[in-house]
N, C-alpha and C. Protein backbone atom coordinates (compact mmCIF):
# COMPACT_ATOMS: atom_id res chain seq x y z
N MET A 1 0.84 -1.17 0.00
CA MET A 1 0.00 0.00 0.00
C MET A 1 0.89 1.24 0.00
N PRO A 2 0.57 2.25 -0.81
CA PRO A 2 1.39 3.46 -0.84
C PRO A 2 1.43 4.15 0.52
N ALA A 3 2.53 4.80 0.79
CA ALA A 3 2.69 5.49 2.08
C ALA A 3 1.65 6.58 2.26
N ASN A 4 1.18 7.19 1.17
CA ASN A 4 0.21 8.27 1.28
C ASN A 4 -1.24 7.80 1.14
N PHE A 5 -1.49 6.50 1.31
CA PHE A 5 -2.85 5.95 1.21
C PHE A 5 -3.74 6.55 2.29
N ASP A 6 -4.95 6.95 1.89
CA ASP A 6 -5.90 7.53 2.83
C ASP A 6 -7.27 6.88 2.60
N ALA A 7 -7.66 5.96 3.48
CA ALA A 7 -8.91 5.23 3.33
C ALA A 7 -10.11 6.16 3.34
N ALA A 8 -10.05 7.24 4.09
CA ALA A 8 -11.17 8.19 4.13
C ALA A 8 -11.39 8.82 2.76
N LYS A 9 -10.32 9.16 2.07
CA LYS A 9 -10.45 9.73 0.72
C LYS A 9 -11.02 8.69 -0.24
N LEU A 10 -10.59 7.45 -0.10
CA LEU A 10 -11.07 6.38 -0.96
C LEU A 10 -12.58 6.21 -0.81
N ARG A 11 -13.08 6.26 0.42
CA ARG A 11 -14.51 6.10 0.67
C ARG A 11 -15.33 7.25 0.08
N LYS A 12 -14.74 8.41 -0.11
CA LYS A 12 -15.46 9.58 -0.62
C LYS A 12 -15.54 9.64 -2.14
N LEU A 13 -14.82 8.78 -2.84
CA LEU A 13 -14.84 8.81 -4.30
C LEU A 13 -16.22 8.42 -4.83
N ARG A 14 -16.67 9.14 -5.85
CA ARG A 14 -17.98 8.86 -6.46
C ARG A 14 -17.90 7.62 -7.35
N PRO A 15 -19.00 6.87 -7.44
CA PRO A 15 -19.03 5.73 -8.35
C PRO A 15 -18.86 6.20 -9.80
N SER A 16 -18.18 5.40 -10.59
CA SER A 16 -17.92 5.76 -11.99
C SER A 16 -19.08 5.48 -12.92
N PHE A 17 -19.88 4.46 -12.63
CA PHE A 17 -20.90 4.04 -13.58
C PHE A 17 -22.34 4.22 -13.10
N LYS A 18 -22.56 4.19 -11.80
CA LYS A 18 -23.90 4.36 -11.24
C LYS A 18 -23.88 5.56 -10.32
N GLU A 19 -24.87 6.43 -10.49
CA GLU A 19 -24.95 7.62 -9.64
C GLU A 19 -25.08 7.24 -8.17
N THR A 20 -25.95 6.25 -7.88
CA THR A 20 -26.12 5.78 -6.51
C THR A 20 -25.97 4.26 -6.49
N GLY A 21 -25.37 3.75 -5.48
CA GLY A 21 -25.24 2.31 -5.32
C GLY A 21 -24.11 1.67 -6.10
N GLY A 22 -23.37 2.45 -6.88
CA GLY A 22 -22.26 1.88 -7.64
C GLY A 22 -21.07 1.60 -6.74
N SER A 23 -20.26 0.63 -7.11
CA SER A 23 -19.11 0.27 -6.28
C SER A 23 -17.77 0.48 -6.98
N VAL A 24 -17.78 0.72 -8.29
CA VAL A 24 -16.53 0.93 -9.01
C VAL A 24 -16.20 2.42 -9.01
N THR A 25 -15.03 2.75 -8.49
CA THR A 25 -14.58 4.14 -8.44
C THR A 25 -13.19 4.23 -9.06
N ALA A 26 -12.70 5.46 -9.19
CA ALA A 26 -11.33 5.66 -9.69
C ALA A 26 -10.31 5.04 -8.75
N GLY A 27 -10.69 4.81 -7.52
CA GLY A 27 -9.77 4.25 -6.53
C GLY A 27 -9.68 2.74 -6.53
N ASN A 28 -10.68 2.04 -7.08
CA ASN A 28 -10.62 0.58 -7.03
C ASN A 28 -10.75 -0.09 -8.40
N ALA A 29 -10.88 0.68 -9.47
CA ALA A 29 -10.98 0.11 -10.81
C ALA A 29 -9.60 -0.31 -11.31
N SER A 30 -9.58 -1.36 -12.12
CA SER A 30 -8.30 -1.76 -12.70
C SER A 30 -7.89 -0.75 -13.76
N SER A 31 -6.62 -0.65 -14.00
CA SER A 31 -6.14 0.29 -15.00
C SER A 31 -6.37 -0.26 -16.40
N ILE A 32 -6.31 0.60 -17.40
CA ILE A 32 -6.51 0.19 -18.78
C ILE A 32 -5.46 -0.84 -19.20
N SER A 33 -4.29 -0.75 -18.64
CA SER A 33 -3.20 -1.65 -19.02
C SER A 33 -3.20 -2.94 -18.20
N ASP A 34 -4.25 -3.22 -17.46
CA ASP A 34 -4.31 -4.41 -16.61
C ASP A 34 -4.65 -5.63 -17.47
N GLY A 35 -3.71 -6.54 -17.57
CA GLY A 35 -3.94 -7.77 -18.31
C GLY A 35 -3.28 -7.76 -19.68
N ALA A 36 -3.11 -8.94 -20.23
CA ALA A 36 -2.49 -9.05 -21.55
C ALA A 36 -2.84 -10.42 -22.13
N ALA A 37 -2.77 -10.51 -23.44
CA ALA A 37 -3.02 -11.78 -24.11
C ALA A 37 -2.36 -11.75 -25.49
N ALA A 38 -2.13 -12.93 -26.02
CA ALA A 38 -1.59 -13.05 -27.37
C ALA A 38 -2.19 -14.31 -28.00
N LEU A 39 -2.34 -14.29 -29.30
CA LEU A 39 -2.92 -15.42 -30.00
C LEU A 39 -2.27 -15.54 -31.37
N VAL A 40 -1.87 -16.75 -31.73
CA VAL A 40 -1.39 -17.03 -33.07
C VAL A 40 -2.44 -17.93 -33.70
N LEU A 41 -3.02 -17.46 -34.78
CA LEU A 41 -4.11 -18.18 -35.42
C LEU A 41 -3.72 -18.51 -36.86
N VAL A 42 -3.69 -19.80 -37.17
CA VAL A 42 -3.38 -20.25 -38.53
C VAL A 42 -4.31 -21.41 -38.87
N SER A 43 -4.38 -21.72 -40.13
CA SER A 43 -5.18 -22.88 -40.55
C SER A 43 -4.48 -24.15 -40.07
N GLY A 44 -5.24 -25.22 -39.98
CA GLY A 44 -4.66 -26.50 -39.61
C GLY A 44 -3.60 -26.93 -40.60
N GLU A 45 -3.86 -26.67 -41.88
CA GLU A 45 -2.89 -27.02 -42.93
C GLU A 45 -1.57 -26.28 -42.72
N LYS A 46 -1.64 -24.99 -42.44
CA LYS A 46 -0.42 -24.20 -42.23
C LYS A 46 0.32 -24.67 -40.98
N ALA A 47 -0.41 -24.98 -39.93
CA ALA A 47 0.23 -25.46 -38.70
C ALA A 47 1.03 -26.73 -38.99
N LEU A 48 0.44 -27.65 -39.73
CA LEU A 48 1.14 -28.89 -40.06
C LEU A 48 2.37 -28.63 -40.92
N LYS A 49 2.26 -27.71 -41.89
CA LYS A 49 3.41 -27.36 -42.73
C LYS A 49 4.55 -26.79 -41.90
N LEU A 50 4.21 -26.06 -40.84
CA LEU A 50 5.22 -25.46 -39.97
C LEU A 50 5.70 -26.40 -38.87
N GLY A 51 5.13 -27.60 -38.84
CA GLY A 51 5.51 -28.57 -37.83
C GLY A 51 4.93 -28.26 -36.46
N LEU A 52 3.85 -27.51 -36.44
CA LEU A 52 3.21 -27.16 -35.17
C LEU A 52 2.08 -28.12 -34.86
N GLN A 53 1.84 -28.33 -33.58
CA GLN A 53 0.74 -29.19 -33.16
C GLN A 53 -0.53 -28.36 -33.07
N VAL A 54 -1.60 -28.84 -33.67
CA VAL A 54 -2.90 -28.17 -33.56
C VAL A 54 -3.44 -28.48 -32.17
N ILE A 55 -3.70 -27.44 -31.39
CA ILE A 55 -4.15 -27.65 -30.01
C ILE A 55 -5.59 -27.19 -29.79
N ALA A 56 -6.20 -26.56 -30.78
CA ALA A 56 -7.58 -26.12 -30.64
C ALA A 56 -8.19 -25.96 -32.02
N LYS A 57 -9.50 -25.99 -32.06
CA LYS A 57 -10.22 -25.83 -33.31
C LYS A 57 -11.41 -24.92 -33.06
N ILE A 58 -11.59 -23.95 -33.93
CA ILE A 58 -12.76 -23.07 -33.83
C ILE A 58 -13.89 -23.75 -34.59
N SER A 59 -14.93 -24.12 -33.87
CA SER A 59 -16.03 -24.83 -34.51
C SER A 59 -17.27 -23.96 -34.67
N GLY A 60 -17.23 -22.75 -34.16
CA GLY A 60 -18.35 -21.84 -34.31
C GLY A 60 -18.01 -20.50 -33.69
N TYR A 61 -18.81 -19.51 -34.01
CA TYR A 61 -18.61 -18.19 -33.41
C TYR A 61 -19.92 -17.42 -33.47
N ALA A 62 -20.02 -16.41 -32.66
CA ALA A 62 -21.20 -15.54 -32.66
C ALA A 62 -20.83 -14.26 -31.93
N ASP A 63 -21.66 -13.26 -32.12
CA ASP A 63 -21.48 -12.05 -31.34
C ASP A 63 -22.83 -11.61 -30.80
N ALA A 64 -22.79 -10.80 -29.78
CA ALA A 64 -24.00 -10.27 -29.17
C ALA A 64 -23.63 -9.00 -28.43
N ALA A 65 -24.60 -8.14 -28.27
CA ALA A 65 -24.35 -6.89 -27.56
C ALA A 65 -25.52 -6.58 -26.65
N GLN A 66 -25.24 -5.85 -25.63
CA GLN A 66 -26.23 -5.41 -24.66
C GLN A 66 -25.98 -3.93 -24.38
N GLU A 67 -26.86 -3.34 -23.63
CA GLU A 67 -26.62 -1.99 -23.14
C GLU A 67 -25.35 -2.04 -22.29
N PRO A 68 -24.59 -0.94 -22.24
CA PRO A 68 -23.31 -0.96 -21.51
C PRO A 68 -23.40 -1.50 -20.09
N GLU A 69 -24.47 -1.16 -19.38
CA GLU A 69 -24.57 -1.64 -18.00
C GLU A 69 -24.86 -3.14 -17.90
N LEU A 70 -25.19 -3.77 -19.02
CA LEU A 70 -25.47 -5.21 -19.05
C LEU A 70 -24.40 -5.99 -19.81
N PHE A 71 -23.23 -5.37 -20.04
CA PHE A 71 -22.22 -6.00 -20.89
C PHE A 71 -21.82 -7.39 -20.43
N THR A 72 -21.89 -7.66 -19.14
CA THR A 72 -21.46 -8.97 -18.65
C THR A 72 -22.42 -10.08 -19.04
N THR A 73 -23.62 -9.74 -19.50
CA THR A 73 -24.58 -10.78 -19.88
C THR A 73 -24.54 -11.10 -21.38
N ALA A 74 -23.79 -10.34 -22.16
CA ALA A 74 -23.73 -10.57 -23.60
C ALA A 74 -23.27 -11.99 -23.96
N PRO A 75 -22.30 -12.58 -23.27
CA PRO A 75 -21.92 -13.95 -23.63
C PRO A 75 -23.08 -14.94 -23.54
N ALA A 76 -24.02 -14.70 -22.63
CA ALA A 76 -25.17 -15.60 -22.50
C ALA A 76 -26.04 -15.56 -23.75
N LEU A 77 -25.99 -14.48 -24.50
CA LEU A 77 -26.73 -14.39 -25.76
C LEU A 77 -25.94 -14.99 -26.92
N ALA A 78 -24.62 -14.86 -26.88
CA ALA A 78 -23.78 -15.33 -27.98
C ALA A 78 -23.56 -16.84 -27.95
N ILE A 79 -23.45 -17.42 -26.79
CA ILE A 79 -23.13 -18.85 -26.68
C ILE A 79 -24.14 -19.73 -27.40
N PRO A 80 -25.45 -19.56 -27.18
CA PRO A 80 -26.39 -20.42 -27.92
C PRO A 80 -26.28 -20.27 -29.43
N LYS A 81 -25.99 -19.07 -29.90
CA LYS A 81 -25.80 -18.86 -31.34
C LYS A 81 -24.58 -19.63 -31.84
N ALA A 82 -23.50 -19.60 -31.07
CA ALA A 82 -22.25 -20.24 -31.49
C ALA A 82 -22.36 -21.75 -31.51
N ILE A 83 -23.08 -22.32 -30.56
CA ILE A 83 -23.16 -23.78 -30.51
C ILE A 83 -24.38 -24.34 -31.22
N GLY A 84 -25.29 -23.45 -31.62
CA GLY A 84 -26.53 -23.88 -32.26
C GLY A 84 -26.37 -24.05 -33.69
């Protein structure tokens, strides 16, 4: 914890997304640079030519969108489309 941490100031920060009852503030939200990922995507044929082992196969895909405040539920709409 930083030496200048002040819990009282943290409690006074306004919620970022909900006017009342919100819990995400500038003091507890993850930064934009939080997390990382990388993906190499090639055809099965190309992987074999390069001597690589195929470890996954994409058998379907879908997309879905919700209102911003419901973004966490979008996968529940996309999954049935992808597997159906």
